[in-house]
Each structure stands twice: as structure tokens, then as C-alpha cells.
Amino acid sequence: MQDKKAKIQRRHKKIRARVSGTAQKPRLSVSKSNTNLIAQLIDDNKSETIAYVWTKLENGKTLKERTISAGMKIAEMAKAKKITEVVFDRGGHIFMGNIKFLADTARENGLKF
């Protein structure tokens, strides 16, 4: 298990060396656990979170359904703050599964990255 965490941390460090968000083009950071996904819009210049969505457990909904609704919510929050473009930070995780569902849903609802 330590090898898996170490690989994720190494990939995330490499990604963060290249990716940075500003007020006009914030970083869409995605974190995940076994049961939840967290998406944040972050302005790295001010070190503040602009918007935050968490896929909390809801009865009868799968993680995929909660991830898709989180992608819609984060795109709506960005539109409310007049943000159309973001920089995607997958947090060291591989771009597949729920990370991809969140990104695709955010794109479909108006975010560009």
C-alpha cells in the first residue's frame, strides 16, 4: 500500500511543478478516497479556495452518480464567479474512472481546460 501512495505523491509533485492557478484561470484540484471525491477551484497566487464540492454519501446513489453531480455543481459555481477556464490538477491519480467522469461533466457544463 505504501508503494501506491508513494507513486501518487510522486506524480502529484510532478504535476504541481507545472500546474498553477490564478484568479482568472484557477486550478481545479481533485482529491479522492475510497468513498468520496473532492473538487476545489484554487487561486494559487492568493492561496485561497474559490469553490468547493464534496461527494458526500447519499443513500441509493453510487459514487459515479455523485461524481457526475459534483462535476455539474463545480461548473455552476465557477459560472457564478464568472470563471470559464480552469487548469486541471488530477492530484496524482490516473485520468480514468471517477476523475474522468468529473472532468467530462465539468467540460460539458461549460468549463474549459
Protein backbone atom coordinates (compact mmCIF):
# COMPACT_ATOMS: atom_id res chain seq x y z
CA MET A 1 0.00 0.00 0.00
CA GLN A 2 2.87 2.39 0.72
CA ASP A 3 4.15 1.94 -2.84
CA LYS A 4 0.78 3.03 -4.26
CA LYS A 5 0.67 6.14 -2.05
CA ALA A 6 4.28 6.95 -2.89
CA LYS A 7 3.55 6.72 -6.62
CA ILE A 8 0.55 9.03 -6.29
CA GLN A 9 2.57 11.55 -4.27
CA ARG A 10 5.42 11.46 -6.79
CA ARG A 11 3.04 12.03 -9.72
CA HIS A 12 1.26 14.83 -7.87
CA LYS A 13 4.55 16.58 -7.13
CA LYS A 14 5.46 16.48 -10.84
CA ILE A 15 2.03 17.81 -11.83
CA ARG A 16 2.14 20.66 -9.29
CA ALA A 17 5.55 21.73 -10.59
CA ARG A 18 3.87 22.55 -13.92
CA VAL A 19 0.31 23.50 -12.93
CA SER A 20 -0.64 26.68 -11.10
CA GLY A 21 -3.90 28.61 -10.87
CA THR A 22 -4.64 32.32 -10.96
CA ALA A 23 -7.76 34.36 -10.22
CA GLN A 24 -8.72 34.39 -13.92
CA LYS A 25 -7.79 30.74 -14.54
CA PRO A 26 -7.91 28.83 -11.22
CA ARG A 27 -6.69 25.29 -10.64
CA LEU A 28 -9.41 22.60 -10.49
CA SER A 29 -7.87 20.25 -7.94
CA VAL A 30 -9.33 16.77 -7.46
CA SER A 31 -8.70 14.58 -4.41
CA LYS A 32 -10.16 11.16 -3.90
CA SER A 33 -10.62 8.49 -1.27
CA ASN A 34 -12.30 5.10 -1.43
CA THR A 35 -15.76 6.56 -0.87
CA ASN A 36 -15.62 10.25 -1.81
CA LEU A 37 -14.26 12.77 -4.28
CA ILE A 38 -13.39 16.41 -3.54
CA ALA A 39 -13.09 19.11 -6.21
CA GLN A 40 -11.80 22.60 -5.49
CA LEU A 41 -11.18 25.73 -7.53
CA ILE A 42 -7.99 27.25 -6.13
CA ASP A 43 -6.26 30.59 -6.73
CA ASP A 44 -2.61 29.74 -6.04
CA ASN A 45 -1.47 33.38 -6.09
CA LYS A 46 -3.61 34.20 -3.04
CA SER A 47 -3.60 30.63 -1.67
CA GLU A 48 -7.36 30.54 -1.33
CA THR A 49 -10.15 28.20 -2.33
CA ILE A 50 -12.72 29.85 -4.59
CA ALA A 51 -15.26 26.98 -4.73
CA TYR A 52 -15.50 23.55 -3.11
CA VAL A 53 -17.58 20.43 -3.83
CA TRP A 54 -17.60 17.15 -1.93
CA THR A 55 -19.40 13.95 -2.98
CA LYS A 56 -20.83 13.13 0.42
CA LEU A 57 -22.53 9.80 0.87
CA GLU A 58 -26.18 9.77 -0.17
CA ASN A 59 -28.47 6.78 0.17
CA GLY A 60 -29.06 4.92 -3.06
CA LYS A 61 -26.51 6.82 -5.17
CA THR A 62 -23.33 5.30 -6.49
CA LEU A 63 -20.01 7.14 -6.48
CA LYS A 64 -20.30 7.60 -10.24
CA GLU A 65 -23.67 9.37 -9.88
CA ARG A 66 -22.35 11.54 -7.05
CA THR A 67 -19.23 12.36 -9.09
CA ILE A 68 -21.28 13.48 -12.09
CA SER A 69 -23.45 15.73 -9.90
CA ALA A 70 -20.28 17.17 -8.30
CA GLY A 71 -18.94 17.99 -11.78
CA MET A 72 -22.17 19.85 -12.53
CA LYS A 73 -22.05 21.73 -9.22
CA ILE A 74 -18.43 22.83 -9.58
CA ALA A 75 -19.15 24.10 -13.12
CA GLU A 76 -22.20 26.03 -11.84
CA MET A 77 -20.15 27.56 -9.02
CA ALA A 78 -17.47 28.59 -11.50
CA LYS A 79 -20.06 30.20 -13.78
CA ALA A 80 -21.49 32.10 -10.80
CA LYS A 81 -17.99 33.51 -10.14
CA LYS A 82 -17.61 34.29 -13.90
CA ILE A 83 -14.88 31.69 -14.40
CA THR A 84 -14.88 29.86 -17.74
CA GLU A 85 -11.34 28.44 -17.94
CA VAL A 86 -9.50 26.33 -15.38
CA VAL A 87 -6.29 24.32 -15.13
CA PHE A 88 -6.99 20.68 -14.26
CA ASP A 89 -4.99 19.06 -11.44
CA ARG A 90 -5.80 15.37 -11.13
CA GLY A 91 -3.92 15.10 -7.84
CA GLY A 92 -1.52 12.39 -8.96
CA HIS A 93 -4.32 9.98 -9.79
CA ILE A 94 -4.64 8.35 -13.20
CA PHE A 95 -7.12 10.10 -15.54
CA MET A 96 -9.75 7.38 -15.65
CA GLY A 97 -12.87 6.33 -13.80
CA ASN A 98 -14.34 8.91 -11.44
CA ILE A 99 -11.62 11.50 -12.14
CA LYS A 100 -12.54 11.34 -15.83
CA PHE A 101 -16.31 11.45 -15.09
CA LEU A 102 -15.83 14.62 -13.03
CA ALA A 103 -13.67 16.28 -15.72
CA ASP A 104 -16.00 15.35 -18.58
CA THR A 105 -19.08 16.57 -16.70
CA ALA A 106 -17.39 19.86 -15.84
CA ARG A 107 -16.44 20.30 -19.53
CA GLU A 108 -19.99 19.54 -20.67
CA ASN A 109 -21.32 22.18 -18.29
CA GLY A 110 -19.14 24.99 -19.59
CA LEU A 111 -15.64 24.78 -18.07
CA LYS A 112 -12.70 24.82 -20.49
CA PHE A 113 -9.41 23.04 -19.77
